[in-house]
C-alpha cells in the first residue's frame, strides 16, 4: 500500500508540469486575425491579434498566416520565418517607426508575402533589413514611409544578404535624394545581391539606389520587368566607393518621367538592355570613371537631355 501511495504522490506532483508543457511549445504554423487576441495560442481556432504576438509562439522556420483582413502591427524578426497573407489586406500601419525590422542570423531566410505597409507619411522604412541570409518580398505594397527611411532599406554590416523583390508596389517613400523606394547600402564587410522583378517603384523620392560607398565588399542588383518612374529625384543609381563595387544589370524595364536622371552610374558598372528610358530630366549619366553600358537594343529618347554620348556599347551574346 505504501508503494502505491508513493507512486500516486509522484504522479500527482508531476501532473501540473506535464499539463503546462504544451503552453511553452512553439507551433510550426500560427494564425492572426483582426478579431484575435495575443493571449491566445495563435492556433487556427484561437488566433492572435498581431504579428508580434504570434511570432513568439512560432518555431524558427515556421509560418504565420492571416485568417482575415486586419491591422497586425509592426514586427522585429530575429529568425527564419514566413509571413504569408492571402485573405485580403494584411495591414501594417505605423507612424514614426519601421514596419518590419529584419535582424536575423546569416543563415536565416525571411519571406514576406501579401502584406500592406503604410507609414502614414512619418514612418521610417517599410522593411528595414539589418541582417539576414535572404529576404523574399512578394506581392507586397509599401507606401508613405517619408520619415527618413525607404520603402525597403538593406544595410547589413558584416554578412552577405540576398534580397528578392517580386510582384510588389512601392510608392511615395523617402524624403531626400538618398532614400526612397529601394535603397541598398551595406556597411563594413557586408554585401548584398538583389533581384527585383515585376515590381513598380514609382513616385518615391529616389527610385532604386545600389550604394557600395560604405562597404569593402560589393552590391550587385538585377532589375527585370519593372517600372521605376515618376520619382522626384533619380530613377536608378549605381554608386560605389571603389571601381566596380556596385553593379546593376537591368532588362525589360521602364525608367520614365523621373525629375532627375533616369540611369546613373557613379564609379560603378551599370549595364542595361531592352528597356525604355524616356521623359526624365536627363536620360543617363556616367560619373567618376563609371561604366554605363548599353546592349544597343534600348529606347532612349524624349528626355530633357538624353546624354547618349556617355554610353559604352556592349554586344548581344
Protein backbone atom coordinates (compact mmCIF):
# COMPACT_ATOMS: atom_id res chain seq x y z
CA UNK A 1 0.00 0.00 0.00
CA UNK A 2 2.86 2.34 0.87
CA UNK A 3 4.45 1.94 -2.61
CA UNK A 4 1.13 2.64 -4.29
CA UNK A 5 0.72 5.77 -2.21
CA UNK A 6 4.20 6.99 -3.12
CA UNK A 7 3.50 6.38 -6.83
CA UNK A 8 0.27 8.31 -6.61
CA UNK A 9 2.06 11.18 -4.88
CA UNK A 10 4.77 11.29 -7.58
CA UNK A 11 2.23 11.30 -10.36
CA UNK A 12 0.26 14.00 -8.62
CA UNK A 13 3.33 16.24 -8.33
CA UNK A 14 4.33 15.75 -11.99
CA UNK A 15 0.85 16.27 -13.43
CA UNK A 16 0.97 20.10 -13.29
CA UNK A 17 4.35 20.06 -15.05
CA UNK A 18 3.04 17.80 -17.80
CA UNK A 19 -0.06 19.93 -18.20
CA UNK A 20 1.92 23.16 -18.53
CA UNK A 21 4.46 21.86 -21.10
CA UNK A 22 2.32 22.43 -24.23
CA UNK A 23 1.89 26.11 -23.30
CA UNK A 24 5.59 26.65 -23.94
CA UNK A 25 5.74 24.73 -27.21
CA UNK A 26 6.10 26.70 -30.45
CA UNK A 27 3.96 25.78 -33.43
CA UNK A 28 5.22 25.41 -36.99
CA UNK A 29 2.19 27.38 -38.23
CA UNK A 30 0.34 30.10 -36.35
CA UNK A 31 -2.52 32.40 -37.23
CA UNK A 32 -3.53 36.04 -36.77
CA UNK A 33 -6.96 37.59 -37.13
CA UNK A 34 -8.42 41.07 -36.97
CA UNK A 35 -10.58 39.85 -34.09
CA UNK A 36 -7.90 37.69 -32.45
CA UNK A 37 -6.20 38.03 -29.07
CA UNK A 38 -2.47 37.81 -28.32
CA UNK A 39 -3.30 35.85 -25.17
CA UNK A 40 -4.47 33.02 -27.43
CA UNK A 41 -2.18 30.16 -28.54
CA UNK A 42 -2.35 31.54 -32.14
CA UNK A 43 -3.99 28.38 -33.46
CA UNK A 44 -6.48 28.49 -36.30
CA UNK A 45 -9.41 28.33 -33.90
CA UNK A 46 -7.81 30.71 -31.37
CA UNK A 47 -5.73 33.19 -33.42
CA UNK A 48 -3.56 36.01 -32.17
CA UNK A 49 -4.19 39.70 -32.84
CA UNK A 50 -0.74 40.86 -34.02
CA UNK A 51 2.33 39.58 -35.83
CA UNK A 52 4.39 40.43 -32.72
CA UNK A 53 2.11 38.34 -30.55
CA UNK A 54 2.28 35.43 -32.95
CA UNK A 55 5.99 35.27 -33.73
CA UNK A 56 6.99 34.32 -30.19
CA UNK A 57 4.70 31.30 -30.49
CA UNK A 58 6.01 30.31 -33.93
CA UNK A 59 9.01 28.00 -34.30
CA UNK A 60 12.05 29.09 -36.28
CA UNK A 61 11.42 28.26 -39.93
CA UNK A 62 7.67 28.30 -39.32
CA UNK A 63 4.88 30.37 -40.87
CA UNK A 64 2.39 33.00 -39.75
CA UNK A 65 -0.84 33.14 -41.77
CA UNK A 66 -3.75 35.59 -41.76
CA UNK A 67 -7.27 34.29 -41.26
CA UNK A 68 -8.89 37.55 -42.39
CA UNK A 69 -8.01 41.19 -43.10
CA UNK A 70 -6.70 43.24 -40.20
CA UNK A 71 -4.09 45.61 -38.87
CA UNK A 72 -1.41 43.34 -37.45
CA UNK A 73 1.23 45.83 -36.33
CA UNK A 74 4.97 46.35 -36.51
CA UNK A 75 7.38 43.47 -36.04
CA UNK A 76 11.04 42.69 -35.36
CA UNK A 77 12.19 39.43 -36.97
CA UNK A 78 15.19 37.62 -35.49
CA UNK A 79 14.80 34.13 -37.01
CA UNK A 80 13.77 32.33 -40.18
CA UNK A 81 10.05 32.92 -40.67
CA UNK A 82 7.42 33.18 -43.40
CA UNK A 83 4.59 35.72 -43.09
CA UNK A 84 2.04 34.90 -45.75
CA UNK A 85 -1.36 36.56 -46.07
CA UNK A 86 -3.71 35.70 -48.95
CA UNK A 87 -7.05 36.63 -47.38
CA UNK A 88 -7.30 40.35 -48.08
CA UNK A 89 -5.47 43.32 -46.61
CA UNK A 90 -2.92 42.30 -44.01
CA UNK A 91 -2.11 45.78 -42.81
CA UNK A 92 0.94 47.16 -41.03
CA UNK A 93 0.15 50.79 -40.18
CA UNK A 94 2.96 52.59 -38.33
CA UNK A 95 3.92 56.16 -37.51
CA UNK A 96 7.44 57.36 -36.76
CA UNK A 97 8.97 53.88 -36.82
CA UNK A 98 9.70 50.94 -39.12
CA UNK A 99 7.14 48.44 -40.31
CA UNK A 100 9.25 45.27 -40.18
CA UNK A 101 12.83 45.18 -38.91
CA UNK A 102 14.76 42.08 -40.00
CA UNK A 103 17.72 41.44 -37.70
CA UNK A 104 18.31 37.73 -38.15
CA UNK A 105 21.31 35.42 -38.48
CA UNK A 106 23.38 34.99 -41.62
CA UNK A 107 21.74 31.59 -42.21
CA UNK A 108 18.15 32.76 -41.71
CA UNK A 109 15.59 33.13 -44.51
CA UNK A 110 12.66 35.52 -44.19
CA UNK A 111 9.63 35.59 -46.50
CA UNK A 112 7.10 38.46 -46.53
CA UNK A 113 4.17 37.69 -48.81
CA UNK A 114 0.98 39.68 -49.31
CA UNK A 115 1.45 42.38 -46.66
CA UNK A 116 0.32 46.02 -46.99
CA UNK A 117 2.62 48.55 -45.27
CA UNK A 118 1.56 52.17 -44.71
CA UNK A 119 3.85 54.65 -42.96
CA UNK A 120 1.22 57.44 -42.87
CA UNK A 121 3.91 59.93 -44.05
CA UNK A 122 6.03 59.67 -40.86
CA UNK A 123 7.13 56.02 -40.90
CA UNK A 124 10.85 55.32 -41.30
CA UNK A 125 11.21 52.25 -43.57
CA UNK A 126 8.55 49.77 -44.55
CA UNK A 127 11.02 46.88 -44.32
CA UNK A 128 14.41 47.58 -42.74
CA UNK A 129 16.85 44.71 -43.32
CA UNK A 130 19.79 44.87 -40.92
CA UNK A 131 20.88 41.25 -41.12
CA UNK A 132 19.67 38.02 -42.74
CA UNK A 133 20.83 35.37 -45.14
CA UNK A 134 17.96 36.08 -47.53
CA UNK A 135 14.78 38.15 -47.56
CA UNK A 136 11.99 37.49 -50.09
CA UNK A 137 9.32 40.18 -50.54
CA UNK A 138 6.41 39.09 -52.73
CA UNK A 139 3.03 40.63 -53.66
CA UNK A 140 3.54 43.41 -51.14
CA UNK A 141 2.62 47.11 -51.07
CA UNK A 142 4.84 49.62 -49.26
CA UNK A 143 3.83 53.28 -49.23
CA UNK A 144 4.01 56.57 -47.33
CA UNK A 145 7.28 55.98 -45.44
CA UNK A 146 8.58 59.55 -45.54
CA UNK A 147 10.23 59.87 -42.13
CA UNK A 148 13.82 59.40 -43.27
CA UNK A 149 13.98 55.80 -44.45
CA UNK A 150 12.85 54.00 -47.60
CA UNK A 151 10.24 51.55 -48.75
CA UNK A 152 12.86 48.81 -48.39
CA UNK A 153 16.28 49.56 -46.89
CA UNK A 154 19.03 46.93 -46.86
CA UNK A 155 22.01 47.75 -44.64
CA UNK A 156 23.87 44.61 -43.44
CA UNK A 157 27.11 45.39 -41.66
CA UNK A 158 29.21 42.25 -41.86
CA UNK A 159 27.35 39.48 -43.70
CA UNK A 160 26.21 38.62 -47.21
CA UNK A 161 22.49 39.21 -47.67
CA UNK A 162 20.29 38.25 -50.62
CA UNK A 163 17.19 40.31 -51.43
CA UNK A 164 14.42 39.18 -53.78
CA UNK A 165 11.50 41.54 -54.52
CA UNK A 166 8.76 40.43 -56.90
CA UNK A 167 5.24 41.46 -57.92
CA UNK A 168 5.21 44.37 -55.50
CA UNK A 169 4.23 48.06 -55.47
CA UNK A 170 6.49 50.58 -53.71
CA UNK A 171 5.43 54.23 -53.80
CA UNK A 172 5.51 57.59 -52.00
CA UNK A 173 8.50 56.76 -49.82
CA UNK A 174 11.60 58.76 -48.86
CA UNK A 175 12.29 62.40 -48.08
CA UNK A 176 15.59 63.06 -49.90
CA UNK A 177 17.60 62.11 -52.97
CA UNK A 178 19.39 59.46 -50.89
CA UNK A 179 16.33 57.46 -49.81
CA UNK A 180 13.08 56.47 -51.45
CA UNK A 181 11.81 53.23 -52.97
CA UNK A 182 14.53 50.60 -52.52
CA UNK A 183 17.91 51.61 -51.07
CA UNK A 184 20.69 49.05 -50.73
CA UNK A 185 23.68 50.27 -48.72
CA UNK A 186 25.71 47.66 -46.83
CA UNK A 187 28.48 48.73 -44.47
CA UNK A 188 31.74 47.29 -43.15
CA UNK A 189 32.30 43.98 -44.90
CA UNK A 190 28.62 43.48 -45.65
CA UNK A 191 27.47 42.67 -49.18
CA UNK A 192 24.12 42.47 -50.94
CA UNK A 193 22.91 40.68 -54.04
CA UNK A 194 19.43 41.80 -55.05
CA UNK A 195 16.94 40.71 -57.72
CA UNK A 196 13.90 42.92 -58.39
CA UNK A 197 11.30 41.56 -60.81
CA UNK A 198 7.85 42.65 -61.97
CA UNK A 199 7.76 45.45 -59.41
CA UNK A 200 6.69 49.10 -59.56
CA UNK A 201 8.98 51.53 -57.76
CA UNK A 202 7.11 54.68 -58.66
CA UNK A 203 6.50 58.15 -57.17
CA UNK A 204 9.11 57.98 -54.41
CA UNK A 205 11.98 60.44 -53.93
CA UNK A 206 14.82 58.27 -55.28
CA UNK A 207 13.72 55.13 -57.09
CA UNK A 208 16.33 52.36 -56.65
CA UNK A 209 19.81 53.04 -55.24
CA UNK A 210 22.57 50.41 -55.23
CA UNK A 211 25.15 52.07 -52.99
CA UNK A 212 28.53 50.49 -52.30
CA UNK A 213 30.24 53.56 -50.83
CA UNK A 214 30.33 52.26 -47.24
CA UNK A 215 31.33 48.62 -47.75
CA UNK A 216 34.59 46.89 -48.57
CA UNK A 217 32.56 44.20 -50.36
CA UNK A 218 30.10 44.68 -53.23
CA UNK A 219 26.50 45.36 -54.18
CA UNK A 220 25.01 43.52 -57.14
CA UNK A 221 21.49 44.29 -58.31
CA UNK A 222 19.43 42.82 -61.15
CA UNK A 223 16.23 44.57 -62.28
CA UNK A 224 13.86 42.81 -64.66
CA UNK A 225 10.38 43.64 -65.95
CA UNK A 226 9.89 46.57 -63.59
CA UNK A 227 8.88 50.24 -63.61
CA UNK A 228 10.97 52.91 -61.88
CA UNK A 229 9.08 56.03 -62.81
CA UNK A 230 7.76 59.40 -61.65
CA UNK A 231 10.20 59.64 -58.76
CA UNK A 232 11.08 63.16 -57.64
CA UNK A 233 14.83 62.53 -57.84
CA UNK A 234 16.81 59.96 -59.86
CA UNK A 235 15.36 56.72 -61.18
CA UNK A 236 18.06 54.04 -60.82
CA UNK A 237 21.52 54.71 -59.40
CA UNK A 238 24.62 52.53 -59.08
CA UNK A 239 27.28 54.18 -56.92
CA UNK A 240 30.47 52.74 -55.45
CA UNK A 241 33.39 53.79 -53.27
CA UNK A 242 35.84 51.70 -55.30
CA UNK A 243 35.59 50.99 -59.04
CA UNK A 244 33.20 48.14 -59.70
CA UNK A 245 31.99 47.99 -56.09
CA UNK A 246 28.41 48.36 -57.30
CA UNK A 247 26.88 46.62 -60.31
CA UNK A 248 23.38 46.97 -61.77
CA UNK A 249 22.09 44.88 -64.66
CA UNK A 250 18.66 45.92 -65.97
CA UNK A 251 16.45 44.39 -68.66
CA UNK A 252 12.91 44.81 -69.99
CA UNK A 253 12.16 47.70 -67.64
CA UNK A 254 10.73 51.22 -67.87
CA UNK A 255 12.50 54.22 -66.35
CA UNK A 256 10.43 57.26 -67.17
CA UNK A 257 9.30 60.69 -66.02
CA UNK A 258 11.75 60.93 -63.13
CA UNK A 259 12.55 64.51 -62.09
CA UNK A 260 16.27 63.73 -62.02
CA UNK A 261 18.38 61.35 -64.10
CA UNK A 262 16.88 58.12 -65.34
CA UNK A 263 20.03 55.96 -65.03
CA UNK A 264 23.17 56.99 -63.15
CA UNK A 265 26.47 55.15 -62.82
CA UNK A 266 28.94 56.73 -60.39
CA UNK A 267 32.28 54.91 -60.08
CA UNK A 268 30.22 51.78 -60.73
CA UNK A 269 29.06 49.47 -63.51
CA UNK A 270 25.56 49.78 -65.00
CA UNK A 271 24.52 47.55 -67.89
CA UNK A 272 21.06 47.75 -69.46
CA UNK A 273 19.20 46.28 -72.40
CA UNK A 274 15.73 46.02 -73.93
CA UNK A 275 14.46 48.85 -71.74
CA UNK A 276 12.75 52.24 -72.08
CA UNK A 277 14.38 55.37 -70.69
CA UNK A 278 12.18 58.34 -71.56
CA UNK A 279 10.71 61.53 -70.15
CA UNK A 280 13.36 62.02 -67.47
CA UNK A 281 15.12 65.34 -66.86
CA UNK A 282 18.32 63.61 -68.03
CA UNK A 283 18.28 60.23 -69.67
CA UNK A 284 21.57 58.73 -68.48
CA UNK A 285 24.72 59.94 -66.75
CA UNK A 286 28.17 58.49 -66.02
CA UNK A 287 30.46 59.91 -63.30
CA UNK A 288 33.93 59.25 -61.91
CA UNK A 289 35.09 56.70 -64.45
CA UNK A 290 31.94 54.59 -64.29
CA UNK A 291 30.94 52.09 -66.96
CA UNK A 292 27.44 52.84 -68.24
CA UNK A 293 26.93 50.19 -70.89
CA UNK A 294 24.09 49.59 -73.32
CA UNK A 295 23.30 46.42 -75.24
CA UNK A 296 22.12 48.74 -78.07
CA UNK A 297 18.53 47.50 -78.02
CA UNK A 298 17.05 50.16 -75.72
CA UNK A 299 14.60 53.00 -76.36
CA UNK A 300 16.48 56.02 -75.01
CA UNK A 301 14.70 59.10 -76.25
CA UNK A 302 12.48 62.00 -75.23
CA UNK A 303 14.34 63.02 -72.09
CA UNK A 304 15.18 66.65 -71.34
CA UNK A 305 18.71 65.65 -72.29
CA UNK A 306 19.32 62.09 -73.47
CA UNK A 307 23.09 62.39 -72.91
CA UNK A 308 23.82 59.31 -75.02
CA UNK A 309 27.44 60.39 -75.50
CA UNK A 310 28.36 58.90 -72.10
CA UNK A 311 27.25 55.40 -73.12
CA UNK A 312 29.54 52.50 -73.91
CA UNK A 313 28.26 49.71 -76.12
CA UNK A 314 28.08 46.00 -75.47
CA UNK A 315 27.36 43.27 -77.98
CA UNK A 316 24.49 40.85 -77.54
CA UNK A 317 25.60 37.32 -76.73
